[in-house]
């Protein structure tokens, strides 16, 4: 069994068992290898998590880059069984250490094929059909994530554990995304806030990064896919019983409870 598959199997076993992952015996050597492990991991997870329905982008804001200690975006995946509607009640026990982030999600109306690269923010913005206020669900699945390193975090989908989506807003109705203010409210108390401009200057910049990143692997984005563009706030770690509400001006609200 090669190194890539060994790493993917170790991560898949930990994820299925909700067990904290210790350092891998054969960690990916660099970020490119981390994405190779990620692809192998997806093959192992698909029977359990459903088909790939989109992507998440991590470390798109300065606050998250400073927090994670990685100075550039990283990509992970979103699977069908991890997508929930606003008002969802989710079991905290289904995660190792559940956290949430306040995000602007996009739904694509057309493909962004690899052959169209390089992509700009303006180009990918034209491909968006809807926006959603979103709670990204993240999971600290590690004995100590600070010591795992970017290649291993990338291999494990960069903390991705799903999302909760608010109502879709057509592109023609959205405000200036740079100016959108997002507020994170836990148990009725505002605990953090940020703006769309915090996401690489504009959420479409993050989407362009993802499209170019996938194109470099000869992969594209597809109509109907969902993309979580990155958190406006630092990750909020939760406990059982916590209720979360994200308010995004002009986009609406999204709520979830972790029981």
C-alpha atoms as a PDB file:
ATOM      1  CA  UNK A   1       0.000   0.000   0.000  1.00  0.00           C
ATOM      2  CA  UNK A   2       1.520   3.329  -0.962  1.00  0.00           C
ATOM      3  CA  UNK A   3       2.072   6.258   1.369  1.00  0.00           C
ATOM      4  CA  UNK A   4      -0.872   8.264  -0.003  1.00  0.00           C
ATOM      5  CA  UNK A   5      -3.389   5.482   0.577  1.00  0.00           C
ATOM      6  CA  UNK A   6      -1.995   4.673   4.033  1.00  0.00           C
ATOM      7  CA  UNK A   7      -2.479   8.265   5.135  1.00  0.00           C
ATOM      8  CA  UNK A   8      -5.983   8.393   3.625  1.00  0.00           C
ATOM      9  CA  UNK A   9      -7.004   5.162   5.386  1.00  0.00           C
ATOM     10  CA  UNK A  10      -5.749   6.432   8.742  1.00  0.00           C
ATOM     11  CA  UNK A  11      -7.733   9.662   8.371  1.00  0.00           C
ATOM     12  CA  UNK A  12     -10.867   7.853   7.157  1.00  0.00           C
ATOM     13  CA  UNK A  13     -10.770   5.461  10.120  1.00  0.00           C
ATOM     14  CA  UNK A  14     -10.474   8.347  12.591  1.00  0.00           C
ATOM     15  CA  UNK A  15     -13.335  10.237  10.933  1.00  0.00           C
ATOM     16  CA  UNK A  16     -15.689   7.264  10.897  1.00  0.00           C
ATOM     17  CA  UNK A  17     -14.947   6.550  14.568  1.00  0.00           C
ATOM     18  CA  UNK A  18     -15.115  10.229  15.666  1.00  0.00           C
ATOM     19  CA  UNK A  19     -11.668   9.642  17.158  1.00  0.00           C
ATOM     20  CA  UNK A  20      -9.037  12.383  17.536  1.00  0.00           C
ATOM     21  CA  UNK A  21      -6.308  11.938  14.931  1.00  0.00           C
ATOM     22  CA  UNK A  22      -2.744  11.806  16.177  1.00  0.00           C
ATOM     23  CA  UNK A  23       0.214  12.577  13.929  1.00  0.00           C
ATOM     24  CA  UNK A  24       0.204  10.291  10.884  1.00  0.00           C
ATOM     25  CA  UNK A  25       2.870   7.627  10.544  1.00  0.00           C
ATOM     26  CA  UNK A  26       3.328   8.736   6.941  1.00  0.00           C
ATOM     27  CA  UNK A  27       2.167  12.357   6.707  1.00  0.00           C
ATOM     28  CA  UNK A  28       2.057  14.099   3.329  1.00  0.00           C
ATOM     29  CA  UNK A  29       5.375  15.785   2.624  1.00  0.00           C
ATOM     30  CA  UNK A  30       3.928  19.017   1.251  1.00  0.00           C
ATOM     31  CA  UNK A  31       0.621  20.635   0.392  1.00  0.00           C
ATOM     32  CA  UNK A  32       0.475  19.114  -3.093  1.00  0.00           C
ATOM     33  CA  UNK A  33       0.776  15.670  -1.530  1.00  0.00           C
ATOM     34  CA  UNK A  34      -1.836  16.709   1.029  1.00  0.00           C
ATOM     35  CA  UNK A  35      -4.335  17.265  -1.779  1.00  0.00           C
ATOM     36  CA  UNK A  36      -3.427  13.832  -3.209  1.00  0.00           C
ATOM     37  CA  UNK A  37      -4.280  12.264   0.150  1.00  0.00           C
ATOM     38  CA  UNK A  38      -7.499  14.315   0.243  1.00  0.00           C
ATOM     39  CA  UNK A  39      -8.613  12.852  -3.085  1.00  0.00           C
ATOM     40  CA  UNK A  40      -7.842   9.317  -1.901  1.00  0.00           C
ATOM     41  CA  UNK A  41      -9.720  10.041   1.338  1.00  0.00           C
ATOM     42  CA  UNK A  42     -12.821  11.086  -0.604  1.00  0.00           C
ATOM     43  CA  UNK A  43     -12.901   7.731  -2.384  1.00  0.00           C
ATOM     44  CA  UNK A  44     -12.972   6.041   1.018  1.00  0.00           C
ATOM     45  CA  UNK A  45     -15.575   8.387   2.533  1.00  0.00           C
ATOM     46  CA  UNK A  46     -18.125   8.604  -0.286  1.00  0.00           C
ATOM     47  CA  UNK A  47     -20.133   5.512   0.797  1.00  0.00           C
ATOM     48  CA  UNK A  48     -20.611   7.150   4.218  1.00  0.00           C
ATOM     49  CA  UNK A  49     -21.048  10.854   3.420  1.00  0.00           C
ATOM     50  CA  UNK A  50     -22.806  10.858   0.052  1.00  0.00           C
ATOM     51  CA  UNK A  51     -21.642  12.494  -3.179  1.00  0.00           C
ATOM     52  CA  UNK A  52     -19.471  15.581  -3.411  1.00  0.00           C
ATOM     53  CA  UNK A  53     -21.738  18.639  -3.674  1.00  0.00           C
ATOM     54  CA  UNK A  54     -19.188  21.446  -3.373  1.00  0.00           C
ATOM     55  CA  UNK A  55     -16.180  22.881  -1.625  1.00  0.00           C
ATOM     56  CA  UNK A  56     -15.083  24.929   1.353  1.00  0.00           C
ATOM     57  CA  UNK A  57     -12.227  27.409   1.353  1.00  0.00           C
ATOM     58  CA  UNK A  58     -10.289  27.898   4.560  1.00  0.00           C
ATOM     59  CA  UNK A  59      -7.888  30.636   5.617  1.00  0.00           C
ATOM     60  CA  UNK A  60      -9.366  33.347   3.403  1.00  0.00           C
ATOM     61  CA  UNK A  61      -9.371  36.047   6.080  1.00  0.00           C
ATOM     62  CA  UNK A  62      -6.514  37.564   8.045  1.00  0.00           C
ATOM     63  CA  UNK A  63      -8.120  36.548  11.330  1.00  0.00           C
ATOM     64  CA  UNK A  64      -8.231  32.897  10.231  1.00  0.00           C
ATOM     65  CA  UNK A  65      -4.757  32.935   8.675  1.00  0.00           C
ATOM     66  CA  UNK A  66      -3.386  34.306  11.933  1.00  0.00           C
ATOM     67  CA  UNK A  67      -5.372  31.783  13.980  1.00  0.00           C
ATOM     68  CA  UNK A  68      -4.401  28.691  11.955  1.00  0.00           C
ATOM     69  CA  UNK A  69      -0.911  29.981  11.130  1.00  0.00           C
ATOM     70  CA  UNK A  70      -1.224  29.412   7.360  1.00  0.00           C
ATOM     71  CA  UNK A  71      -0.843  32.546   5.185  1.00  0.00           C
ATOM     72  CA  UNK A  72      -2.896  31.434   2.178  1.00  0.00           C
ATOM     73  CA  UNK A  73      -6.221  29.755   1.327  1.00  0.00           C
ATOM     74  CA  UNK A  74      -6.710  26.003   1.532  1.00  0.00           C
ATOM     75  CA  UNK A  75      -9.480  23.884   0.025  1.00  0.00           C
ATOM     76  CA  UNK A  76     -11.688  21.115   1.350  1.00  0.00           C
ATOM     77  CA  UNK A  77     -14.872  19.405   0.252  1.00  0.00           C
ATOM     78  CA  UNK A  78     -18.573  19.416   1.117  1.00  0.00           C
ATOM     79  CA  UNK A  79     -20.626  16.222   0.890  1.00  0.00           C
ATOM     80  CA  UNK A  80     -24.360  15.738   0.544  1.00  0.00           C
ATOM     81  CA  UNK A  81     -25.010  14.330   4.015  1.00  0.00           C
ATOM     82  CA  UNK A  82     -23.227  17.273   5.635  1.00  0.00           C
ATOM     83  CA  UNK A  83     -25.535  19.959   4.198  1.00  0.00           C
ATOM     84  CA  UNK A  84     -28.430  21.055   6.438  1.00  0.00           C
ATOM     85  CA  UNK A  85     -31.186  23.669   6.320  1.00  0.00           C
ATOM     86  CA  UNK A  86     -31.456  26.563   8.760  1.00  0.00           C
ATOM     87  CA  UNK A  87     -32.986  25.468  12.041  1.00  0.00           C
ATOM     88  CA  UNK A  88     -31.191  22.118  12.011  1.00  0.00           C
ATOM     89  CA  UNK A  89     -30.648  20.346  15.316  1.00  0.00           C
ATOM     90  CA  UNK A  90     -27.382  18.451  15.217  1.00  0.00           C
ATOM     91  CA  UNK A  91     -25.811  16.150  17.772  1.00  0.00           C
ATOM     92  CA  UNK A  92     -22.590  17.528  19.213  1.00  0.00           C
ATOM     93  CA  UNK A  93     -21.557  13.912  19.865  1.00  0.00           C
ATOM     94  CA  UNK A  94     -21.294  13.391  16.084  1.00  0.00           C
ATOM     95  CA  UNK A  95     -18.172  15.556  16.116  1.00  0.00           C
ATOM     96  CA  UNK A  96     -14.886  15.365  17.980  1.00  0.00           C
ATOM     97  CA  UNK A  97     -14.910  19.069  18.865  1.00  0.00           C
ATOM     98  CA  UNK A  98     -17.483  20.982  16.892  1.00  0.00           C
ATOM     99  CA  UNK A  99     -17.012  24.571  15.810  1.00  0.00           C
ATOM    100  CA  UNK A 100     -18.798  27.033  13.548  1.00  0.00           C
ATOM    101  CA  UNK A 101     -17.874  29.855  11.221  1.00  0.00           C
ATOM    102  CA  UNK A 102     -19.884  32.683   9.650  1.00  0.00           C
ATOM    103  CA  UNK A 103     -19.773  32.495   5.868  1.00  0.00           C
ATOM    104  CA  UNK A 104     -21.163  33.687   2.565  1.00  0.00           C
ATOM    105  CA  UNK A 105     -21.908  30.624   0.426  1.00  0.00           C
ATOM    106  CA  UNK A 106     -22.432  30.666  -3.330  1.00  0.00           C
ATOM    107  CA  UNK A 107     -24.360  28.332  -5.623  1.00  0.00           C
ATOM    108  CA  UNK A 108     -23.142  28.155  -9.226  1.00  0.00           C
ATOM    109  CA  UNK A 109     -25.440  28.491 -12.233  1.00  0.00           C
ATOM    110  CA  UNK A 110     -22.871  27.258 -14.746  1.00  0.00           C
ATOM    111  CA  UNK A 111     -19.666  25.274 -14.994  1.00  0.00           C
ATOM    112  CA  UNK A 112     -16.249  26.810 -14.515  1.00  0.00           C
ATOM    113  CA  UNK A 113     -14.183  24.435 -16.631  1.00  0.00           C
ATOM    114  CA  UNK A 114     -10.449  23.975 -16.120  1.00  0.00           C
ATOM    115  CA  UNK A 115      -9.808  25.084 -19.691  1.00  0.00           C
ATOM    116  CA  UNK A 116     -11.209  28.548 -18.920  1.00  0.00           C
ATOM    117  CA  UNK A 117      -8.459  29.350 -16.394  1.00  0.00           C
ATOM    118  CA  UNK A 118      -7.013  31.660 -15.253  1.00  0.00           C
ATOM    119  CA  UNK A 119     -10.112  32.947 -13.500  1.00  0.00           C
ATOM    120  CA  UNK A 120     -10.720  36.430 -12.117  1.00  0.00           C
ATOM    121  CA  UNK A 121     -13.161  37.544  -9.446  1.00  0.00           C
ATOM    122  CA  UNK A 122     -15.313  39.238 -12.094  1.00  0.00           C
ATOM    123  CA  UNK A 123     -15.398  36.097 -14.230  1.00  0.00           C
ATOM    124  CA  UNK A 124     -16.453  33.724 -11.454  1.00  0.00           C
ATOM    125  CA  UNK A 125     -18.944  36.245 -10.074  1.00  0.00           C
ATOM    126  CA  UNK A 126     -20.874  35.979 -13.339  1.00  0.00           C
ATOM    127  CA  UNK A 127     -21.172  32.217 -12.772  1.00  0.00           C
ATOM    128  CA  UNK A 128     -22.997  32.581  -9.426  1.00  0.00           C
ATOM    129  CA  UNK A 129     -26.755  32.015  -9.333  1.00  0.00           C
ATOM    130  CA  UNK A 130     -27.527  32.310  -5.604  1.00  0.00           C
ATOM    131  CA  UNK A 131     -25.917  33.315  -2.324  1.00  0.00           C
ATOM    132  CA  UNK A 132     -26.737  31.855   1.085  1.00  0.00           C
ATOM    133  CA  UNK A 133     -26.019  33.012   4.613  1.00  0.00           C
ATOM    134  CA  UNK A 134     -24.144  30.004   5.942  1.00  0.00           C
ATOM    135  CA  UNK A 135     -22.810  28.366   9.049  1.00  0.00           C
ATOM    136  CA  UNK A 136     -19.803  26.287   8.181  1.00  0.00           C
ATOM    137  CA  UNK A 137     -19.507  23.370  10.582  1.00  0.00           C
ATOM    138  CA  UNK A 138     -15.906  22.512  11.379  1.00  0.00           C
ATOM    139  CA  UNK A 139     -14.518  19.689  13.489  1.00  0.00           C
ATOM    140  CA  UNK A 140     -11.281  19.719  15.432  1.00  0.00           C
ATOM    141  CA  UNK A 141     -10.583  16.046  14.753  1.00  0.00           C
ATOM    142  CA  UNK A 142      -7.048  16.122  16.109  1.00  0.00           C
ATOM    143  CA  UNK A 143      -5.166  15.345  19.272  1.00  0.00           C
ATOM    144  CA  UNK A 144      -3.451  18.725  18.726  1.00  0.00           C
ATOM    145  CA  UNK A 145      -4.247  20.482  15.463  1.00  0.00           C
ATOM    146  CA  UNK A 146      -1.570  23.117  15.997  1.00  0.00           C
ATOM    147  CA  UNK A 147       1.116  20.467  15.505  1.00  0.00           C
ATOM    148  CA  UNK A 148      -0.419  18.688  12.497  1.00  0.00           C
ATOM    149  CA  UNK A 149       0.900  20.994   9.783  1.00  0.00           C
ATOM    150  CA  UNK A 150      -0.853  22.347   6.695  1.00  0.00           C
ATOM    151  CA  UNK A 151      -0.325  19.244   4.490  1.00  0.00           C
ATOM    152  CA  UNK A 152      -2.118  16.950   6.960  1.00  0.00           C
ATOM    153  CA  UNK A 153      -4.910  19.470   7.633  1.00  0.00           C
ATOM    154  CA  UNK A 154      -5.437  19.759   3.865  1.00  0.00           C
ATOM    155  CA  UNK A 155      -5.455  15.962   3.552  1.00  0.00           C
ATOM    156  CA  UNK A 156      -8.322  15.866   6.076  1.00  0.00           C
ATOM    157  CA  UNK A 157     -10.429  18.483   4.211  1.00  0.00           C
ATOM    158  CA  UNK A 158      -9.176  21.336   6.380  1.00  0.00           C
ATOM    159  CA  UNK A 159     -11.566  20.821   9.325  1.00  0.00           C
ATOM    160  CA  UNK A 160     -14.625  20.555   7.006  1.00  0.00           C
ATOM    161  CA  UNK A 161     -17.643  18.879   8.600  1.00  0.00           C
ATOM    162  CA  UNK A 162     -20.568  20.312   6.626  1.00  0.00           C
ATOM    163  CA  UNK A 163     -22.723  23.411   6.708  1.00  0.00           C
ATOM    164  CA  UNK A 164     -26.124  24.880   7.513  1.00  0.00           C
ATOM    165  CA  UNK A 165     -27.658  27.087   4.823  1.00  0.00           C
ATOM    166  CA  UNK A 166     -30.137  29.930   5.057  1.00  0.00           C
ATOM    167  CA  UNK A 167     -32.537  30.929   2.287  1.00  0.00           C
ATOM    168  CA  UNK A 168     -31.072  31.412  -1.194  1.00  0.00           C
ATOM    169  CA  UNK A 169     -30.762  35.004  -2.409  1.00  0.00           C
ATOM    170  CA  UNK A 170     -30.611  35.585  -6.206  1.00  0.00           C
ATOM    171  CA  UNK A 171     -27.495  37.328  -7.463  1.00  0.00           C
ATOM    172  CA  UNK A 172     -29.600  40.231  -8.746  1.00  0.00           C
ATOM    173  CA  UNK A 173     -30.791  40.936  -5.188  1.00  0.00           C
ATOM    174  CA  UNK A 174     -27.555  40.819  -3.197  1.00  0.00           C
ATOM    175  CA  UNK A 175     -25.916  43.917  -1.737  1.00  0.00           C
ATOM    176  CA  UNK A 176     -22.246  44.812  -2.185  1.00  0.00           C
ATOM    177  CA  UNK A 177     -20.652  41.680  -0.756  1.00  0.00           C
ATOM    178  CA  UNK A 178     -17.592  43.577   0.449  1.00  0.00           C
ATOM    179  CA  UNK A 179     -19.792  45.671   2.728  1.00  0.00           C
ATOM    180  CA  UNK A 180     -21.907  42.806   4.072  1.00  0.00           C
ATOM    181  CA  UNK A 181     -21.503  42.625   7.842  1.00  0.00           C
ATOM    182  CA  UNK A 182     -21.749  39.227   9.466  1.00  0.00           C
ATOM    183  CA  UNK A 183     -22.539  38.747  13.139  1.00  0.00           C
ATOM    184  CA  UNK A 184     -21.992  35.497  15.002  1.00  0.00           C
ATOM    185  CA  UNK A 185     -24.442  35.018  17.880  1.00  0.00           C
ATOM    186  CA  UNK A 186     -24.123  32.147  20.346  1.00  0.00           C
ATOM    187  CA  UNK A 187     -26.898  31.570  22.894  1.00  0.00           C
ATOM    188  CA  UNK A 188     -28.336  35.010  22.169  1.00  0.00           C
ATOM    189  CA  UNK A 189     -25.070  36.934  22.594  1.00  0.00           C
ATOM    190  CA  UNK A 190     -23.055  38.451  19.767  1.00  0.00           C
ATOM    191  CA  UNK A 191     -19.552  37.053  20.119  1.00  0.00           C
ATOM    192  CA  UNK A 192     -17.877  38.111  16.883  1.00  0.00           C
ATOM    193  CA  UNK A 193     -18.377  39.973  13.616  1.00  0.00           C
ATOM    194  CA  UNK A 194     -16.676  40.634  10.303  1.00  0.00           C
ATOM    195  CA  UNK A 195     -17.376  41.815   6.763  1.00  0.00           C
ATOM    196  CA  UNK A 196     -17.285  40.364   3.284  1.00  0.00           C
ATOM    197  CA  UNK A 197     -14.168  42.432   2.601  1.00  0.00           C
ATOM    198  CA  UNK A 198     -12.360  40.297   5.190  1.00  0.00           C
ATOM    199  CA  UNK A 199     -12.558  37.337   2.788  1.00  0.00           C
ATOM    200  CA  UNK A 200      -9.548  38.011   0.532  1.00  0.00           C
ATOM    201  CA  UNK A 201     -10.922  41.506  -0.103  1.00  0.00           C
ATOM    202  CA  UNK A 202     -14.108  40.068  -1.668  1.00  0.00           C
ATOM    203  CA  UNK A 203     -15.718  36.581  -1.535  1.00  0.00           C
ATOM    204  CA  UNK A 204     -15.409  36.343  -5.320  1.00  0.00           C
ATOM    205  CA  UNK A 205     -11.627  36.496  -4.919  1.00  0.00           C
ATOM    206  CA  UNK A 206     -11.867  33.348  -2.821  1.00  0.00           C
ATOM    207  CA  UNK A 207     -14.066  31.683  -5.439  1.00  0.00           C
ATOM    208  CA  UNK A 208     -11.549  32.594  -8.149  1.00  0.00           C
ATOM    209  CA  UNK A 209      -8.750  31.121  -6.028  1.00  0.00           C
ATOM    210  CA  UNK A 210     -10.676  27.847  -5.758  1.00  0.00           C
ATOM    211  CA  UNK A 211     -11.451  27.701  -9.476  1.00  0.00           C
ATOM    212  CA  UNK A 212      -7.775  28.290 -10.326  1.00  0.00           C
ATOM    213  CA  UNK A 213      -6.637  25.785  -7.701  1.00  0.00           C
ATOM    214  CA  UNK A 214      -8.906  23.093  -9.178  1.00  0.00           C
ATOM    215  CA  UNK A 215      -7.929  24.012 -12.738  1.00  0.00           C
ATOM    216  CA  UNK A 216      -4.281  23.374 -11.835  1.00  0.00           C
ATOM    217  CA  UNK A 217      -5.391  19.787 -11.154  1.00  0.00           C
ATOM    218  CA  UNK A 218      -7.395  19.722 -14.423  1.00  0.00           C
ATOM    219  CA  UNK A 219     -10.641  19.846 -12.463  1.00  0.00           C
ATOM    220  CA  UNK A 220     -13.524  22.283 -12.719  1.00  0.00           C
ATOM    221  CA  UNK A 221     -16.451  23.572 -10.735  1.00  0.00           C
ATOM    222  CA  UNK A 222     -19.911  22.567 -11.889  1.00  0.00           C
ATOM    223  CA  UNK A 223     -23.354  24.114 -12.125  1.00  0.00           C
ATOM    224  CA  UNK A 224     -25.320  23.536  -8.934  1.00  0.00           C
ATOM    225  CA  UNK A 225     -22.263  23.137  -6.751  1.00  0.00           C
ATOM    226  CA  UNK A 226     -21.990  24.960  -3.458  1.00  0.00           C
ATOM    227  CA  UNK A 227     -18.903  26.870  -2.332  1.00  0.00           C
ATOM    228  CA  UNK A 228     -18.299  28.137   1.196  1.00  0.00           C
ATOM    229  CA  UNK A 229     -16.048  31.123   0.573  1.00  0.00           C
ATOM    230  CA  UNK A 230     -14.426  31.448   4.011  1.00  0.00           C
ATOM    231  CA  UNK A 231     -15.162  32.705   7.473  1.00  0.00           C
ATOM    232  CA  UNK A 232     -15.763  36.341   8.345  1.00  0.00           C
ATOM    233  CA  UNK A 233     -14.920  35.527  11.978  1.00  0.00           C
ATOM    234  CA  UNK A 234     -12.532  33.418  13.990  1.00  0.00           C
ATOM    235  CA  UNK A 235     -13.776  29.870  14.580  1.00  0.00           C
ATOM    236  CA  UNK A 236     -16.213  29.541  17.486  1.00  0.00           C
ATOM    237  CA  UNK A 237     -15.866  26.251  19.388  1.00  0.00           C
ATOM    238  CA  UNK A 238     -19.127  24.977  20.851  1.00  0.00           C
ATOM    239  CA  UNK A 239     -20.495  22.591  23.442  1.00  0.00           C
ATOM    240  CA  UNK A 240     -23.677  20.531  23.567  1.00  0.00           C
ATOM    241  CA  UNK A 241     -26.711  22.753  24.090  1.00  0.00           C
ATOM    242  CA  UNK A 242     -25.331  25.763  22.224  1.00  0.00           C
ATOM    243  CA  UNK A 243     -27.588  27.638  19.799  1.00  0.00           C
ATOM    244  CA  UNK A 244     -25.946  29.517  16.941  1.00  0.00           C
ATOM    245  CA  UNK A 245     -27.300  32.304  14.747  1.00  0.00           C
ATOM    246  CA  UNK A 246     -25.413  34.044  11.957  1.00  0.00           C
ATOM    247  CA  UNK A 247     -26.815  37.327  10.638  1.00  0.00           C
ATOM    248  CA  UNK A 248     -25.502  38.633   7.320  1.00  0.00           C
ATOM    249  CA  UNK A 249     -26.804  42.048   6.288  1.00  0.00           C
ATOM    250  CA  UNK A 250     -28.766  41.828   3.061  1.00  0.00           C
ATOM    251  CA  UNK A 251     -28.411  38.057   2.870  1.00  0.00           C
ATOM    252  CA  UNK A 252     -30.485  36.965   5.843  1.00  0.00           C
ATOM    253  CA  UNK A 253     -29.975  34.717   8.837  1.00  0.00           C
ATOM    254  CA  UNK A 254     -29.131  31.077   9.451  1.00  0.00           C
ATOM    255  CA  UNK A 255     -29.530  29.145  12.676  1.00  0.00           C
ATOM    256  CA  UNK A 256     -28.556  25.797  14.173  1.00  0.00           C
ATOM    257  CA  UNK A 257     -28.593  24.057  17.527  1.00  0.00           C
ATOM    258  CA  UNK A 258     -26.081  21.500  18.734  1.00  0.00           C
ATOM    259  CA  UNK A 259     -27.775  19.128  21.139  1.00  0.00           C
END
